[in-house]
Amino acid sequence: MDAELRALEDNGTWEITALPPGKRAIGYKWIYRTKLKSDGSVDKCNARLVALACRKKFGVDYWETFAPATKMTTMSTLLAVASMQQWHVFQMDVSNAFLHGDLEEEVYMTTPQGYAGLGKAVQPAAIAPSDTKHVCKLVKSLYGLKQAPRKWFEKLPNALLHFAFTQSKADCT
């Protein structure tokens, strides 16, 4: 949990602020996952902070959610051409990809329990102060937000075009 919170802080995902009058803060939940090695032994344990945005309303809290996905025929064609031309093919994985999308909407989330602030370790619930006045104003997307895939897709093409990639007219992704 500490590592996840540090990653969110390093990314500038939120700002701690007082909840403005008339605004509601959404909740959050932790998702835990154990990754295993091929022999079945534990490789690592992951914790992911997910926004509970199920009560958000279209047209009020967010406006667009559509994000295109690559067509399988496009991938098959690219791999076939690469194979025929004997090109090297590389795969890239963007760690925490959804966390890079910039939010324009005002989204407030309750502060994670035990969160003591920038750079401080998570405090056990028994000794963590309960601060109900302060919330996290989300600056960047967080898993669970309905607009997170779209916000990521808004950022990715601009970066690829900056590196002289060309966007296909047959598949916008």
Protein backbone atom coordinates (compact mmCIF):
# COMPACT_ATOMS: atom_id res chain seq x y z
CA MET A 1 0.00 0.00 0.00
CA ASP A 2 2.90 2.33 0.78
CA ALA A 3 4.41 1.67 -2.65
CA GLU A 4 1.08 2.36 -4.38
CA LEU A 5 0.56 5.61 -2.47
CA ARG A 6 4.14 6.72 -3.24
CA ALA A 7 3.56 6.01 -6.96
CA LEU A 8 0.36 8.06 -6.88
CA GLU A 9 2.16 10.91 -5.10
CA ASP A 10 5.13 10.81 -7.48
CA ASN A 11 2.72 10.98 -10.42
CA GLY A 12 0.94 14.01 -8.94
CA THR A 13 -2.38 12.15 -8.97
CA TRP A 14 -4.04 14.34 -6.33
CA GLU A 15 -3.86 17.43 -4.20
CA ILE A 16 -5.01 17.39 -0.58
CA THR A 17 -7.63 20.09 -0.08
CA ALA A 18 -10.78 20.95 1.83
CA LEU A 19 -14.01 19.72 0.24
CA PRO A 20 -15.77 22.70 -1.38
CA PRO A 21 -19.36 23.36 -0.30
CA GLY A 22 -21.91 21.50 -2.42
CA LYS A 23 -19.40 18.88 -3.61
CA ARG A 24 -19.36 15.20 -2.67
CA ALA A 25 -16.29 13.03 -2.36
CA ILE A 26 -16.35 9.56 -3.85
CA GLY A 27 -14.99 6.63 -1.90
CA TYR A 28 -12.20 4.23 -2.73
CA LYS A 29 -11.26 0.62 -2.19
CA TRP A 30 -8.05 -1.36 -2.17
CA ILE A 31 -7.65 -4.28 -4.58
CA TYR A 32 -5.05 -6.84 -3.54
CA ARG A 33 -3.45 -9.34 -5.88
CA THR A 34 -0.73 -11.92 -5.42
CA LYS A 35 1.44 -12.55 -8.47
CA LEU A 36 2.96 -16.01 -8.74
CA LYS A 37 6.09 -17.28 -10.43
CA SER A 38 5.87 -20.09 -12.97
CA ASP A 39 6.69 -22.63 -10.24
CA GLY A 40 3.74 -21.45 -8.13
CA SER A 41 5.73 -19.57 -5.50
CA VAL A 42 4.84 -15.98 -4.60
CA ASP A 43 6.58 -13.42 -6.80
CA LYS A 44 5.08 -10.26 -5.29
CA CYS A 45 1.97 -8.85 -3.65
CA ASN A 46 0.30 -5.84 -5.25
CA ALA A 47 -2.13 -3.32 -3.83
CA ARG A 48 -4.06 -0.96 -6.09
CA LEU A 49 -6.15 2.02 -4.99
CA VAL A 50 -9.39 2.17 -6.99
CA ALA A 51 -11.90 5.03 -7.00
CA LEU A 52 -15.51 4.06 -6.38
CA ALA A 53 -17.03 6.18 -9.10
CA CYS A 54 -20.21 4.14 -9.56
CA ARG A 55 -22.36 7.03 -8.26
CA LYS A 56 -20.92 9.58 -10.66
CA LYS A 57 -23.44 10.99 -13.14
CA PHE A 58 -22.91 11.45 -16.87
CA GLY A 59 -23.08 15.12 -17.84
CA VAL A 60 -22.44 16.25 -14.27
CA ASP A 61 -19.28 14.50 -13.09
CA TYR A 62 -17.92 13.38 -16.45
CA TRP A 63 -18.77 13.88 -20.11
CA GLU A 64 -17.03 11.28 -22.24
CA THR A 65 -15.98 7.69 -21.60
CA PHE A 66 -15.37 6.29 -25.09
CA ALA A 67 -11.83 5.14 -25.78
CA PRO A 68 -11.05 3.22 -28.97
CA ALA A 69 -9.44 -0.20 -28.91
CA THR A 70 -7.12 -1.60 -31.56
CA LYS A 71 -8.80 -3.87 -34.06
CA MET A 72 -7.50 -7.44 -34.15
CA THR A 73 -7.23 -7.27 -37.95
CA THR A 74 -4.87 -4.30 -37.57
CA MET A 75 -2.65 -6.24 -35.17
CA SER A 76 -2.68 -9.34 -37.41
CA THR A 77 -1.77 -7.24 -40.45
CA LEU A 78 1.08 -5.47 -38.65
CA LEU A 79 2.50 -8.76 -37.37
CA ALA A 80 2.20 -10.36 -40.83
CA VAL A 81 4.02 -7.45 -42.50
CA ALA A 82 6.70 -7.47 -39.79
CA SER A 83 7.21 -11.19 -40.28
CA MET A 84 7.45 -10.93 -44.09
CA GLN A 85 9.89 -8.01 -43.84
CA GLN A 86 11.83 -9.75 -41.04
CA TRP A 87 11.42 -6.73 -38.78
CA HIS A 88 12.02 -6.88 -35.07
CA VAL A 89 8.81 -6.46 -33.07
CA PHE A 90 8.85 -4.97 -29.57
CA GLN A 91 6.12 -4.82 -26.98
CA MET A 92 5.84 -1.89 -24.62
CA ASP A 93 3.94 -1.94 -21.35
CA VAL A 94 3.15 1.36 -19.69
CA SER A 95 3.13 0.83 -15.94
CA ASN A 96 -0.06 2.21 -14.39
CA ALA A 97 -1.13 3.57 -17.78
CA PHE A 98 -4.50 4.93 -16.64
CA LEU A 99 -2.79 7.05 -14.00
CA HIS A 100 -1.23 9.30 -16.64
CA GLY A 101 -4.45 10.81 -18.02
CA ASP A 102 -5.11 14.44 -17.01
CA LEU A 103 -8.56 15.25 -15.58
CA GLU A 104 -10.42 18.42 -16.47
CA GLU A 105 -13.41 17.53 -14.30
CA GLU A 106 -13.50 18.27 -10.58
CA VAL A 107 -13.37 14.91 -8.83
CA TYR A 108 -12.90 14.61 -5.08
CA MET A 109 -12.10 11.36 -3.29
CA THR A 110 -12.01 10.64 0.41
CA THR A 111 -8.49 10.45 1.78
CA PRO A 112 -7.30 6.83 2.08
CA GLN A 113 -7.50 5.60 5.66
CA GLY A 114 -4.11 5.83 7.33
CA TYR A 115 -2.74 8.21 4.67
CA ALA A 116 -0.54 10.63 6.58
CA GLY A 117 0.58 12.87 3.70
CA LEU A 118 3.30 13.19 1.11
CA GLY A 119 6.21 10.82 1.67
CA LYS A 120 4.91 9.45 4.99
CA ALA A 121 4.18 5.78 5.60
CA VAL A 122 0.61 4.54 5.89
CA GLN A 123 -0.47 4.57 9.55
CA PRO A 124 -2.39 1.68 11.06
CA ALA A 125 -6.11 2.50 11.41
CA ALA A 126 -5.86 2.39 15.21
CA ILE A 127 -3.42 5.33 15.38
CA ALA A 128 -4.26 7.16 12.14
CA PRO A 129 -6.03 10.47 12.70
CA SER A 130 -9.48 10.57 11.13
CA ASP A 131 -9.51 13.72 9.03
CA THR A 132 -12.92 14.13 7.47
CA LYS A 133 -12.34 17.77 6.47
CA HIS A 134 -9.69 17.05 3.85
CA VAL A 135 -10.10 15.12 0.61
CA CYS A 136 -8.01 14.25 -2.42
CA LYS A 137 -8.79 16.45 -5.42
CA LEU A 138 -7.90 14.20 -8.35
CA VAL A 139 -5.66 15.90 -10.91
CA LYS A 140 -4.98 12.73 -12.89
CA SER A 141 -7.03 9.64 -13.60
CA LEU A 142 -7.35 6.86 -11.11
CA TYR A 143 -8.46 3.30 -11.72
CA GLY A 144 -12.22 3.06 -11.30
CA LEU A 145 -13.06 6.41 -12.88
CA LYS A 146 -15.37 6.00 -15.86
CA GLN A 147 -13.37 8.49 -17.92
CA ALA A 148 -9.94 6.94 -17.14
CA PRO A 149 -9.55 4.97 -20.43
CA ARG A 150 -10.45 8.04 -22.49
CA LYS A 151 -8.08 10.30 -20.59
CA TRP A 152 -5.23 7.84 -21.20
CA PHE A 153 -6.07 7.61 -24.90
CA GLU A 154 -6.08 11.42 -25.18
CA LYS A 155 -2.49 11.49 -23.95
CA LEU A 156 -0.97 8.49 -25.78
CA PRO A 157 -1.46 9.55 -29.44
CA ASN A 158 0.04 12.98 -28.76
CA ALA A 159 3.16 11.36 -27.32
CA LEU A 160 3.48 8.94 -30.26
CA LEU A 161 2.97 11.69 -32.83
CA HIS A 162 5.67 13.71 -31.04
CA PHE A 163 8.08 10.81 -31.72
CA ALA A 164 7.29 10.91 -35.47
CA PHE A 165 4.82 8.02 -35.53
CA THR A 166 2.01 8.33 -38.07
CA GLN A 167 -1.63 7.64 -37.25
CA SER A 168 -3.42 5.21 -39.55
CA LYS A 169 -6.53 6.34 -41.37
CA ALA A 170 -7.91 2.78 -41.27
CA ASP A 171 -7.61 2.35 -37.49
CA CYS A 172 -7.52 5.47 -35.32
CA THR A 173 -5.75 3.67 -32.49
